[in-house]
Amino acid sequence: MGSNKNDMLVQFSKLTRSEIDKFCLDHGIDPSLESNVPGERTVNICPGGFLVFYTRILDQPNLRYPFTNFFLEALKYYRLSLGQLALVGVARIIYFEILCRALSYEPSLMFRRFFHLARNGDWYTIEKTQCEIALLSTTVGHTYAWKNQFFFISSCRRFMNLSSGCSSNFVFPVQS
């Protein structure tokens, strides 16, 4: 079955309370953070004070919790929440950071020289720019079964690893 990039409004989570609790436990997410089973809500109907959290974000692009400062700065720069960025975009941010660290450089928003934000149907992604240097030749090519595996988690500073401000600074401009 082909991927539909414009199906955000019809994606409902298949996760149960016990699956969410197990996921949080397995990935070291603080049990005192409140998580909600979406039920009949889609990602664009996230309750106030919560973030959309796709479970596949921690395995397919290899994101780890707590999130790195660079990853959070990239989200903040692009004014995105976790639920807005397709997994391929997450992977490109992470791979850029890994490459920088492997070369003994501190990752920075120099990232923008090589990548830019692009619309990918209802979601956003990170695409390479037209610069002369191909920084990453390949990343995650296809991601499977991620759109219907999400839950809502309280968007406090502790979860987002922010020293100041709150994740409510991240916007969700998909709704018209």
N, C-alpha and C. Protein backbone atom coordinates (compact mmCIF):
# COMPACT_ATOMS: atom_id res chain seq x y z
N MET A 1 0.84 -1.18 0.00
CA MET A 1 0.00 0.00 0.00
C MET A 1 0.88 1.24 0.00
N GLY A 2 0.59 2.20 -0.85
CA GLY A 2 1.38 3.42 -0.95
C GLY A 2 1.17 4.34 0.23
N SER A 3 2.11 5.23 0.40
CA SER A 3 2.06 6.19 1.50
C SER A 3 1.23 7.40 1.08
N ASN A 4 0.35 7.83 1.95
CA ASN A 4 -0.44 9.01 1.70
C ASN A 4 0.09 10.12 2.59
N LYS A 5 0.61 11.16 1.97
CA LYS A 5 1.20 12.26 2.73
C LYS A 5 0.16 13.26 3.21
N ASN A 6 -1.08 13.08 2.80
CA ASN A 6 -2.13 14.02 3.16
C ASN A 6 -3.23 13.36 3.97
N ASP A 7 -2.84 12.48 4.89
CA ASP A 7 -3.85 11.75 5.64
C ASP A 7 -3.80 12.00 7.15
N MET A 8 -3.23 13.13 7.56
CA MET A 8 -3.11 13.42 8.98
C MET A 8 -4.47 13.44 9.68
N LEU A 9 -5.47 13.95 9.02
CA LEU A 9 -6.77 14.11 9.65
C LEU A 9 -7.55 12.81 9.78
N VAL A 10 -7.03 11.73 9.21
CA VAL A 10 -7.72 10.44 9.32
C VAL A 10 -6.88 9.38 10.02
N GLN A 11 -5.78 9.78 10.62
CA GLN A 11 -4.91 8.84 11.32
C GLN A 11 -5.27 8.80 12.81
N PHE A 12 -5.70 7.67 13.28
CA PHE A 12 -6.02 7.46 14.68
C PHE A 12 -5.01 6.47 15.25
N SER A 13 -4.64 6.67 16.50
CA SER A 13 -3.65 5.80 17.13
C SER A 13 -4.25 4.45 17.45
N LYS A 14 -3.45 3.40 17.25
CA LYS A 14 -3.87 2.04 17.60
C LYS A 14 -3.36 1.65 18.99
N LEU A 15 -2.63 2.55 19.65
CA LEU A 15 -2.00 2.20 20.93
C LEU A 15 -3.01 2.15 22.08
N THR A 16 -2.79 1.20 22.97
CA THR A 16 -3.61 1.07 24.17
C THR A 16 -2.86 1.67 25.36
N ARG A 17 -3.54 1.85 26.46
CA ARG A 17 -2.92 2.37 27.69
C ARG A 17 -1.73 1.50 28.10
N SER A 18 -1.89 0.19 28.08
CA SER A 18 -0.79 -0.69 28.51
C SER A 18 0.40 -0.60 27.54
N GLU A 19 0.15 -0.44 26.25
CA GLU A 19 1.25 -0.30 25.28
C GLU A 19 2.00 1.02 25.50
N ILE A 20 1.28 2.08 25.80
CA ILE A 20 1.91 3.37 26.06
C ILE A 20 2.75 3.30 27.33
N ASP A 21 2.18 2.71 28.39
CA ASP A 21 2.92 2.58 29.64
C ASP A 21 4.19 1.75 29.45
N LYS A 22 4.10 0.66 28.72
CA LYS A 22 5.27 -0.19 28.45
C LYS A 22 6.31 0.56 27.63
N PHE A 23 5.85 1.29 26.62
CA PHE A 23 6.76 2.08 25.79
C PHE A 23 7.53 3.09 26.64
N CYS A 24 6.82 3.82 27.49
CA CYS A 24 7.46 4.83 28.34
C CYS A 24 8.47 4.17 29.28
N LEU A 25 8.11 3.05 29.85
CA LEU A 25 9.00 2.32 30.75
C LEU A 25 10.25 1.83 30.00
N ASP A 26 10.06 1.22 28.83
CA ASP A 26 11.16 0.69 28.04
C ASP A 26 12.14 1.77 27.57
N HIS A 27 11.63 2.99 27.37
CA HIS A 27 12.47 4.06 26.82
C HIS A 27 12.88 5.10 27.86
N GLY A 28 12.64 4.81 29.12
CA GLY A 28 13.11 5.68 30.19
C GLY A 28 12.40 7.01 30.29
N ILE A 29 11.18 7.08 29.80
CA ILE A 29 10.42 8.31 29.90
C ILE A 29 9.81 8.37 31.30
N ASP A 30 10.05 9.47 31.97
CA ASP A 30 9.65 9.65 33.37
C ASP A 30 8.18 9.29 33.56
N PRO A 31 7.89 8.32 34.45
CA PRO A 31 6.49 7.91 34.66
C PRO A 31 5.62 9.00 35.28
N SER A 32 6.24 10.05 35.83
CA SER A 32 5.42 11.13 36.40
C SER A 32 4.86 12.06 35.32
N LEU A 33 5.38 11.93 34.08
CA LEU A 33 4.83 12.71 32.98
C LEU A 33 3.49 12.10 32.57
N GLU A 34 2.52 12.94 32.38
CA GLU A 34 1.19 12.44 32.02
C GLU A 34 1.13 12.09 30.54
N SER A 35 0.58 10.92 30.25
CA SER A 35 0.38 10.52 28.85
C SER A 35 -1.09 10.17 28.67
N ASN A 36 -1.60 10.48 27.50
CA ASN A 36 -3.00 10.22 27.18
C ASN A 36 -3.12 9.30 25.98
N VAL A 37 -4.06 8.39 26.06
CA VAL A 37 -4.42 7.56 24.92
C VAL A 37 -5.28 8.44 24.01
N PRO A 38 -4.91 8.59 22.73
CA PRO A 38 -5.66 9.48 21.85
C PRO A 38 -7.11 9.07 21.61
N GLY A 39 -7.40 7.77 21.60
CA GLY A 39 -8.77 7.35 21.32
C GLY A 39 -9.21 7.81 19.95
N GLU A 40 -10.26 8.59 19.92
CA GLU A 40 -10.83 9.05 18.65
C GLU A 40 -10.26 10.38 18.18
N ARG A 41 -9.17 10.85 18.79
CA ARG A 41 -8.56 12.12 18.38
C ARG A 41 -7.41 11.87 17.41
N THR A 42 -7.31 12.73 16.42
CA THR A 42 -6.17 12.67 15.49
C THR A 42 -5.08 13.59 16.03
N VAL A 43 -3.92 13.60 15.39
CA VAL A 43 -2.79 14.38 15.89
C VAL A 43 -3.07 15.88 15.92
N ASN A 44 -3.95 16.36 15.07
CA ASN A 44 -4.23 17.79 15.07
C ASN A 44 -5.23 18.18 16.14
N ILE A 45 -5.72 17.23 16.92
CA ILE A 45 -6.65 17.51 18.02
C ILE A 45 -5.97 17.11 19.33
N CYS A 46 -4.76 17.57 19.49
CA CYS A 46 -3.97 17.28 20.68
C CYS A 46 -4.49 18.15 21.83
N PRO A 47 -4.71 17.55 23.01
CA PRO A 47 -5.20 18.35 24.13
C PRO A 47 -4.21 19.44 24.53
N GLY A 48 -4.71 20.55 25.05
CA GLY A 48 -3.85 21.64 25.51
C GLY A 48 -2.85 21.15 26.55
N GLY A 49 -1.62 21.63 26.44
CA GLY A 49 -0.58 21.25 27.39
C GLY A 49 0.09 19.92 27.07
N PHE A 50 -0.23 19.34 25.92
CA PHE A 50 0.35 18.05 25.53
C PHE A 50 1.02 18.17 24.18
N LEU A 51 1.92 17.22 23.90
CA LEU A 51 2.58 17.08 22.61
C LEU A 51 2.19 15.74 22.00
N VAL A 52 2.18 15.69 20.68
CA VAL A 52 2.01 14.42 19.98
C VAL A 52 3.37 13.72 20.01
N PHE A 53 3.37 12.44 20.35
CA PHE A 53 4.62 11.69 20.40
C PHE A 53 4.44 10.39 19.60
N TYR A 54 5.13 10.30 18.46
CA TYR A 54 5.11 9.09 17.64
C TYR A 54 6.10 8.10 18.23
N THR A 55 5.66 6.89 18.51
CA THR A 55 6.56 5.90 19.13
C THR A 55 7.71 5.52 18.21
N ARG A 56 7.46 5.51 16.92
CA ARG A 56 8.51 5.09 15.97
C ARG A 56 9.66 6.09 15.90
N ILE A 57 9.48 7.27 16.46
CA ILE A 57 10.52 8.29 16.44
C ILE A 57 11.76 7.85 17.22
N LEU A 58 11.58 6.91 18.14
CA LEU A 58 12.72 6.44 18.93
C LEU A 58 13.39 5.21 18.35
N ASP A 59 12.79 4.57 17.35
CA ASP A 59 13.48 3.41 16.78
C ASP A 59 13.89 3.59 15.34
N GLN A 60 13.03 4.09 14.47
CA GLN A 60 13.43 4.18 13.06
C GLN A 60 14.52 5.21 12.82
N PRO A 61 14.37 6.46 13.26
CA PRO A 61 15.48 7.40 13.06
C PRO A 61 16.49 7.38 14.20
N ASN A 62 16.27 6.55 15.22
CA ASN A 62 17.21 6.35 16.32
C ASN A 62 17.33 7.55 17.26
N LEU A 63 16.26 8.30 17.43
CA LEU A 63 16.22 9.40 18.39
C LEU A 63 16.21 8.80 19.79
N ARG A 64 16.86 9.45 20.73
CA ARG A 64 16.91 8.97 22.11
C ARG A 64 16.41 10.03 23.06
N TYR A 65 15.78 9.56 24.13
CA TYR A 65 15.31 10.44 25.18
C TYR A 65 16.27 10.33 26.35
N PRO A 66 16.70 11.40 27.01
CA PRO A 66 16.30 12.78 26.74
C PRO A 66 16.91 13.31 25.44
N PHE A 67 16.21 14.21 24.82
CA PHE A 67 16.63 14.75 23.53
C PHE A 67 17.86 15.63 23.70
N THR A 68 18.69 15.66 22.67
CA THR A 68 19.88 16.50 22.73
C THR A 68 19.49 17.96 22.56
N ASN A 69 20.36 18.83 23.05
CA ASN A 69 20.11 20.27 22.89
C ASN A 69 20.04 20.65 21.42
N PHE A 70 20.89 20.04 20.59
CA PHE A 70 20.88 20.37 19.16
C PHE A 70 19.54 20.01 18.53
N PHE A 71 19.02 18.82 18.83
CA PHE A 71 17.74 18.41 18.27
C PHE A 71 16.64 19.38 18.69
N LEU A 72 16.62 19.77 19.95
CA LEU A 72 15.61 20.71 20.45
C LEU A 72 15.77 22.09 19.82
N GLU A 73 17.01 22.52 19.63
CA GLU A 73 17.25 23.82 18.99
C GLU A 73 16.76 23.81 17.55
N ALA A 74 16.95 22.69 16.85
CA ALA A 74 16.46 22.59 15.46
C ALA A 74 14.94 22.68 15.43
N LEU A 75 14.26 21.96 16.35
CA LEU A 75 12.79 22.06 16.41
C LEU A 75 12.37 23.49 16.71
N LYS A 76 13.05 24.10 17.66
CA LYS A 76 12.71 25.47 18.05
C LYS A 76 12.93 26.44 16.89
N TYR A 77 14.06 26.30 16.19
CA TYR A 77 14.36 27.19 15.07
C TYR A 77 13.26 27.10 14.00
N TYR A 78 12.85 25.88 13.68
CA TYR A 78 11.83 25.70 12.66
C TYR A 78 10.41 25.85 13.19
N ARG A 79 10.27 26.08 14.51
CA ARG A 79 8.98 26.26 15.18
C ARG A 79 8.07 25.05 14.96
N LEU A 80 8.64 23.88 15.22
CA LEU A 80 7.93 22.62 15.04
C LEU A 80 7.76 21.90 16.36
N SER A 81 6.71 21.13 16.45
CA SER A 81 6.58 20.20 17.56
C SER A 81 6.96 18.82 17.04
N LEU A 82 7.14 17.88 17.94
CA LEU A 82 7.51 16.52 17.53
C LEU A 82 6.52 15.91 16.56
N GLY A 83 5.25 16.19 16.75
CA GLY A 83 4.21 15.58 15.93
C GLY A 83 4.11 16.11 14.52
N GLN A 84 4.83 17.15 14.19
CA GLN A 84 4.75 17.74 12.86
C GLN A 84 5.83 17.26 11.91
N LEU A 85 6.89 16.69 12.44
CA LEU A 85 8.05 16.34 11.62
C LEU A 85 8.02 14.86 11.25
N ALA A 86 8.03 14.59 9.95
CA ALA A 86 8.05 13.20 9.48
C ALA A 86 9.36 12.54 9.93
N LEU A 87 9.32 11.22 10.07
CA LEU A 87 10.48 10.49 10.60
C LEU A 87 11.75 10.69 9.77
N VAL A 88 11.62 10.85 8.48
CA VAL A 88 12.80 11.07 7.63
C VAL A 88 13.45 12.40 8.01
N GLY A 89 12.65 13.41 8.32
CA GLY A 89 13.19 14.70 8.77
C GLY A 89 13.91 14.57 10.09
N VAL A 90 13.33 13.81 11.02
CA VAL A 90 13.99 13.56 12.30
C VAL A 90 15.33 12.88 12.05
N ALA A 91 15.35 11.90 11.18
CA ALA A 91 16.58 11.17 10.89
C ALA A 91 17.66 12.10 10.34
N ARG A 92 17.30 13.03 9.49
CA ARG A 92 18.31 13.93 8.91
C ARG A 92 18.92 14.84 9.97
N ILE A 93 18.12 15.31 10.91
CA ILE A 93 18.66 16.12 12.00
C ILE A 93 19.63 15.29 12.84
N ILE A 94 19.22 14.07 13.17
CA ILE A 94 20.04 13.20 14.01
C ILE A 94 21.34 12.82 13.29
N TYR A 95 21.24 12.45 12.02
CA TYR A 95 22.44 12.04 11.28
C TYR A 95 23.43 13.20 11.14
N PHE A 96 22.90 14.41 10.96
CA PHE A 96 23.78 15.57 10.91
C PHE A 96 24.53 15.72 12.23
N GLU A 97 23.82 15.57 13.33
CA GLU A 97 24.45 15.68 14.64
C GLU A 97 25.51 14.59 14.85
N ILE A 98 25.18 13.38 14.48
CA ILE A 98 26.13 12.27 14.62
C ILE A 98 27.38 12.53 13.78
N LEU A 99 27.19 12.97 12.55
CA LEU A 99 28.32 13.26 11.68
C LEU A 99 29.21 14.35 12.28
N CYS A 100 28.60 15.42 12.79
CA CYS A 100 29.38 16.49 13.42
C CYS A 100 30.20 15.95 14.58
N ARG A 101 29.56 15.17 15.44
CA ARG A 101 30.25 14.65 16.62
C ARG A 101 31.35 13.66 16.22
N ALA A 102 31.12 12.88 15.18
CA ALA A 102 32.14 11.94 14.71
C ALA A 102 33.37 12.67 14.19
N LEU A 103 33.17 13.87 13.67
CA LEU A 103 34.27 14.68 13.15
C LEU A 103 34.79 15.67 14.19
N SER A 104 34.36 15.49 15.44
CA SER A 104 34.79 16.34 16.57
C SER A 104 34.34 17.79 16.44
N TYR A 105 33.17 18.01 15.83
CA TYR A 105 32.57 19.34 15.76
C TYR A 105 31.33 19.35 16.62
N GLU A 106 31.07 20.50 17.21
CA GLU A 106 29.83 20.67 17.95
C GLU A 106 28.75 20.98 16.91
N PRO A 107 27.65 20.21 16.89
CA PRO A 107 26.59 20.50 15.91
C PRO A 107 25.99 21.87 16.20
N SER A 108 25.65 22.57 15.14
CA SER A 108 25.06 23.90 15.29
C SER A 108 24.00 24.09 14.21
N LEU A 109 23.38 25.22 14.26
CA LEU A 109 22.38 25.49 13.24
C LEU A 109 23.02 25.84 11.89
N MET A 110 24.33 25.58 11.76
CA MET A 110 24.98 25.56 10.46
C MET A 110 24.26 24.50 9.60
N PHE A 111 23.56 23.63 10.28
CA PHE A 111 22.69 22.63 9.67
C PHE A 111 21.88 23.25 8.52
N ARG A 112 21.45 24.49 8.70
CA ARG A 112 20.61 25.17 7.70
C ARG A 112 21.33 25.35 6.37
N ARG A 113 22.64 25.33 6.38
CA ARG A 113 23.41 25.46 5.13
C ARG A 113 23.21 24.24 4.23
N PHE A 114 22.96 23.11 4.87
CA PHE A 114 22.86 21.85 4.14
C PHE A 114 21.43 21.34 3.99
N PHE A 115 20.53 21.79 4.88
CA PHE A 115 19.15 21.29 4.89
C PHE A 115 18.17 22.43 5.09
N HIS A 116 16.96 22.23 4.60
CA HIS A 116 15.90 23.22 4.82
C HIS A 116 14.59 22.50 5.12
N LEU A 117 13.69 23.23 5.72
CA LEU A 117 12.37 22.71 6.06
C LEU A 117 11.51 22.69 4.80
N ALA A 118 10.77 21.61 4.62
CA ALA A 118 9.88 21.50 3.46
C ALA A 118 8.58 20.85 3.89
N ARG A 119 7.54 21.18 3.20
CA ARG A 119 6.24 20.59 3.45
C ARG A 119 6.23 19.21 2.80
N ASN A 120 5.68 18.22 3.51
CA ASN A 120 5.58 16.86 2.99
C ASN A 120 4.14 16.41 3.22
N GLY A 121 3.25 16.90 2.41
CA GLY A 121 1.83 16.64 2.63
C GLY A 121 1.38 17.36 3.89
N ASP A 122 0.77 16.64 4.82
CA ASP A 122 0.30 17.23 6.07
C ASP A 122 1.43 17.41 7.08
N TRP A 123 2.56 16.79 6.86
CA TRP A 123 3.69 16.87 7.78
C TRP A 123 4.77 17.75 7.18
N TYR A 124 5.82 17.95 7.95
CA TYR A 124 7.01 18.64 7.47
C TYR A 124 8.16 17.65 7.42
N THR A 125 9.15 17.97 6.61
CA THR A 125 10.35 17.15 6.56
C THR A 125 11.55 18.07 6.42
N ILE A 126 12.72 17.50 6.48
CA ILE A 126 13.96 18.23 6.27
C ILE A 126 14.55 17.69 4.98
N GLU A 127 14.83 18.59 4.04
CA GLU A 127 15.41 18.20 2.76
C GLU A 127 16.76 18.85 2.59
N LYS A 128 17.59 18.24 1.76
CA LYS A 128 18.90 18.84 1.51
C LYS A 128 18.73 20.08 0.65
N THR A 129 19.61 21.04 0.85
CA THR A 129 19.58 22.26 0.05
C THR A 129 20.30 21.99 -1.27
N GLN A 130 20.36 22.98 -2.10
CA GLN A 130 21.04 22.84 -3.39
C GLN A 130 22.51 23.23 -3.29
N CYS A 131 23.08 23.17 -2.08
CA CYS A 131 24.48 23.53 -1.93
C CYS A 131 25.37 22.52 -2.65
N GLU A 132 26.59 22.92 -2.92
CA GLU A 132 27.48 22.09 -3.71
C GLU A 132 27.99 20.85 -2.98
N ILE A 133 27.87 20.81 -1.67
CA ILE A 133 28.38 19.69 -0.90
C ILE A 133 27.23 18.77 -0.51
N ALA A 134 27.34 17.51 -0.87
CA ALA A 134 26.34 16.53 -0.43
C ALA A 134 26.81 15.99 0.92
N LEU A 135 26.22 16.49 1.98
CA LEU A 135 26.67 16.14 3.32
C LEU A 135 26.33 14.70 3.68
N LEU A 136 25.11 14.31 3.40
CA LEU A 136 24.68 12.95 3.69
C LEU A 136 24.15 12.37 2.39
N SER A 137 24.73 11.28 1.95
CA SER A 137 24.29 10.70 0.67
C SER A 137 22.97 9.98 0.82
N THR A 138 22.79 9.26 1.93
CA THR A 138 21.52 8.58 2.15
C THR A 138 21.18 8.63 3.63
N THR A 139 19.92 8.53 3.89
CA THR A 139 19.44 8.40 5.27
C THR A 139 18.33 7.37 5.25
N VAL A 140 17.45 7.45 6.16
CA VAL A 140 16.31 6.53 6.17
C VAL A 140 15.53 6.73 4.88
N GLY A 141 15.32 5.68 4.15
CA GLY A 141 14.61 5.78 2.89
C GLY A 141 13.11 5.71 3.07
N HIS A 142 12.65 4.66 3.69
CA HIS A 142 11.22 4.49 3.89
C HIS A 142 10.97 4.17 5.36
N THR A 143 9.91 4.72 5.86
CA THR A 143 9.50 4.42 7.23
C THR A 143 8.11 3.81 7.14
N TYR A 144 7.89 2.84 7.98
CA TYR A 144 6.63 2.11 7.90
C TYR A 144 5.88 2.18 9.22
N ALA A 145 4.58 2.15 9.12
CA ALA A 145 3.67 2.02 10.27
C ALA A 145 4.01 2.98 11.39
N TRP A 146 4.06 4.26 11.10
CA TRP A 146 4.36 5.22 12.15
C TRP A 146 3.21 6.18 12.41
N LYS A 147 2.38 6.42 11.43
CA LYS A 147 1.35 7.45 11.57
C LYS A 147 0.25 7.08 12.57
N ASN A 148 0.03 5.80 12.80
CA ASN A 148 -1.05 5.40 13.70
C ASN A 148 -0.51 4.85 15.03
N GLN A 149 0.72 5.20 15.36
CA GLN A 149 1.31 4.77 16.62
C GLN A 149 1.81 6.00 17.37
N PHE A 150 0.87 6.74 17.95
CA PHE A 150 1.21 7.95 18.67
C PHE A 150 0.38 8.04 19.94
N PHE A 151 0.84 8.88 20.84
CA PHE A 151 0.07 9.21 22.03
C PHE A 151 0.38 10.65 22.39
N PHE A 152 -0.34 11.18 23.36
CA PHE A 152 -0.13 12.54 23.80
C PHE A 152 0.61 12.51 25.13
N ILE A 153 1.64 13.34 25.26
CA ILE A 153 2.42 13.39 26.49
C ILE A 153 2.51 14.84 26.95
N SER A 154 2.48 15.03 28.26
CA SER A 154 2.50 16.39 28.79
C SER A 154 3.73 17.13 28.28
N SER A 155 3.52 18.36 27.89
CA SER A 155 4.59 19.13 27.23
C SER A 155 5.32 20.03 28.23
N CYS A 156 5.81 19.46 29.29
CA CYS A 156 6.52 20.26 30.27
C CYS A 156 7.99 20.41 29.90
N ARG A 157 8.66 21.35 30.56
CA ARG A 157 10.07 21.59 30.30
C ARG A 157 10.91 20.34 30.55
N ARG A 158 10.55 19.57 31.55
CA ARG A 158 11.32 18.38 31.90
C ARG A 158 11.34 17.39 30.74
N PHE A 159 10.21 17.18 30.08
CA PHE A 159 10.14 16.24 28.96
C PHE A 159 10.97 16.74 27.78
N MET A 160 10.84 18.02 27.48
CA MET A 160 11.55 18.57 26.33
C MET A 160 12.98 18.96 26.65
N ASN A 161 13.42 18.73 27.91
CA ASN A 161 14.79 18.99 28.29
C ASN A 161 15.17 20.46 28.10
N LEU A 162 14.21 21.34 28.36
CA LEU A 162 14.46 22.77 28.17
C LEU A 162 14.79 23.42 29.50
N SER A 163 15.77 24.31 29.50
CA SER A 163 16.12 25.00 30.73
C SER A 163 15.24 26.22 30.94
N SER A 164 14.70 26.78 29.89
CA SER A 164 13.79 27.92 30.02
C SER A 164 12.75 27.83 28.93
N GLY A 165 11.69 28.52 29.12
CA GLY A 165 10.60 28.47 28.16
C GLY A 165 9.82 27.19 28.32
N CYS A 166 8.88 26.98 27.45
CA CYS A 166 8.05 25.79 27.52
C CYS A 166 7.77 25.33 26.11
N SER A 167 7.47 24.07 25.97
CA SER A 167 7.22 23.53 24.64
C SER A 167 5.99 24.14 23.99
N SER A 168 5.20 24.91 24.75
CA SER A 168 4.08 25.59 24.11
C SER A 168 4.58 26.64 23.13
N ASN A 169 5.89 26.94 23.14
CA ASN A 169 6.47 27.83 22.15
C ASN A 169 6.49 27.19 20.77
N PHE A 170 6.36 25.86 20.73
CA PHE A 170 6.31 25.17 19.45
C PHE A 170 4.89 25.27 18.92
N VAL A 171 4.76 25.59 17.65
CA VAL A 171 3.45 25.80 17.07
C VAL A 171 3.01 24.59 16.28
N PHE A 172 1.77 24.56 15.93
CA PHE A 172 1.22 23.48 15.12
C PHE A 172 0.39 24.11 14.01
N PRO A 173 1.05 24.61 12.94
CA PRO A 173 0.34 25.38 11.93
C PRO A 173 -0.42 24.58 10.90
N VAL A 174 -0.54 23.28 11.06
CA VAL A 174 -1.18 22.45 10.04
C VAL A 174 -2.67 22.75 9.92
N GLN A 175 -3.33 22.97 11.06
CA GLN A 175 -4.77 23.24 11.01
C GLN A 175 -5.02 24.58 10.34
N SER A 176 -6.03 24.64 9.48
CA SER A 176 -6.38 25.90 8.82
C SER A 176 -7.52 26.55 9.54
